[in-house]
Amino acid sequence: MNKDVIYVRIDEDLKRELDMIALEEQRSLNNLVVYILTKYIENYNKTKELEKV
């Protein structure tokens, strides 16, 4: 699987919080962000499916 690189600007407070969560979950920051985005997309798609009903 090819992986793209993206650059995101975030507040330093948000970065600090993400770093702390990643450390607690023994993940890299990159892995945490990918996990969060994946879960968001799953929830988004579920919501869209429910709206069709």
C-alpha atoms as a PDB file:
ATOM      1  CA  MET A   1       0.000   0.000   0.000  1.00  0.00           C
ATOM      2  CA  ASN A   2       1.372   3.394  -0.986  1.00  0.00           C
ATOM      3  CA  LYS A   3       1.316   6.020   1.703  1.00  0.00           C
ATOM      4  CA  ASP A   4       1.005   9.747   1.099  1.00  0.00           C
ATOM      5  CA  VAL A   5       2.590  12.369   3.266  1.00  0.00           C
ATOM      6  CA  ILE A   6       0.464  15.268   4.503  1.00  0.00           C
ATOM      7  CA  TYR A   7       1.433  18.272   6.567  1.00  0.00           C
ATOM      8  CA  VAL A   8      -0.947  19.641   9.158  1.00  0.00           C
ATOM      9  CA  ARG A   9      -0.615  22.745  11.286  1.00  0.00           C
ATOM     10  CA  ILE A  10      -2.085  22.392  14.783  1.00  0.00           C
ATOM     11  CA  ASP A  11      -1.972  24.359  18.022  1.00  0.00           C
ATOM     12  CA  GLU A  12       0.870  23.406  20.319  1.00  0.00           C
ATOM     13  CA  ASP A  13      -1.678  22.559  23.056  1.00  0.00           C
ATOM     14  CA  LEU A  14      -3.397  20.062  20.776  1.00  0.00           C
ATOM     15  CA  LYS A  15      -0.030  18.564  19.801  1.00  0.00           C
ATOM     16  CA  ARG A  16       0.927  18.233  23.458  1.00  0.00           C
ATOM     17  CA  GLU A  17      -2.355  16.440  24.219  1.00  0.00           C
ATOM     18  CA  LEU A  18      -1.903  14.092  21.261  1.00  0.00           C
ATOM     19  CA  ASP A  19       1.684  13.360  22.317  1.00  0.00           C
ATOM     20  CA  MET A  20       0.477  12.483  25.823  1.00  0.00           C
ATOM     21  CA  ILE A  21      -2.244  10.165  24.521  1.00  0.00           C
ATOM     22  CA  ALA A  22       0.166   8.476  22.122  1.00  0.00           C
ATOM     23  CA  LEU A  23       2.616   7.918  24.957  1.00  0.00           C
ATOM     24  CA  GLU A  24      -0.093   6.475  27.219  1.00  0.00           C
ATOM     25  CA  GLU A  25      -1.255   4.133  24.442  1.00  0.00           C
ATOM     26  CA  GLN A  26       2.314   3.220  23.494  1.00  0.00           C
ATOM     27  CA  ARG A  27       1.801   4.450  19.938  1.00  0.00           C
ATOM     28  CA  SER A  28       3.675   6.818  17.724  1.00  0.00           C
ATOM     29  CA  LEU A  29       2.023  10.159  17.145  1.00  0.00           C
ATOM     30  CA  ASN A  30       1.596   9.236  13.486  1.00  0.00           C
ATOM     31  CA  ASN A  31      -0.108   5.959  14.392  1.00  0.00           C
ATOM     32  CA  LEU A  32      -2.457   7.759  16.781  1.00  0.00           C
ATOM     33  CA  VAL A  33      -3.443  10.342  14.176  1.00  0.00           C
ATOM     34  CA  VAL A  34      -4.096   7.638  11.573  1.00  0.00           C
ATOM     35  CA  TYR A  35      -6.182   5.722  14.149  1.00  0.00           C
ATOM     36  CA  ILE A  36      -8.222   8.829  15.029  1.00  0.00           C
ATOM     37  CA  LEU A  37      -8.855   9.657  11.363  1.00  0.00           C
ATOM     38  CA  THR A  38      -9.828   6.054  10.590  1.00  0.00           C
ATOM     39  CA  LYS A  39     -12.341   6.006  13.461  1.00  0.00           C
ATOM     40  CA  TYR A  40     -13.761   9.350  12.339  1.00  0.00           C
ATOM     41  CA  ILE A  41     -14.309   8.031   8.811  1.00  0.00           C
ATOM     42  CA  GLU A  42     -15.978   4.867  10.156  1.00  0.00           C
ATOM     43  CA  ASN A  43     -18.347   6.957  12.279  1.00  0.00           C
ATOM     44  CA  TYR A  44     -19.005   9.348   9.416  1.00  0.00           C
ATOM     45  CA  ASN A  45     -19.916   6.482   7.090  1.00  0.00           C
ATOM     46  CA  LYS A  46     -22.195   4.896   9.715  1.00  0.00           C
ATOM     47  CA  THR A  47     -23.982   8.205  10.169  1.00  0.00           C
ATOM     48  CA  LYS A  48     -24.438   8.559   6.421  1.00  0.00           C
ATOM     49  CA  GLU A  49     -25.877   5.031   6.233  1.00  0.00           C
ATOM     50  CA  LEU A  50     -28.363   5.814   9.009  1.00  0.00           C
ATOM     51  CA  GLU A  51     -29.455   8.974   7.213  1.00  0.00           C
ATOM     52  CA  LYS A  52     -30.369   6.904   4.133  1.00  0.00           C
ATOM     53  CA  VAL A  53     -32.872   4.844   6.122  1.00  0.00           C
END
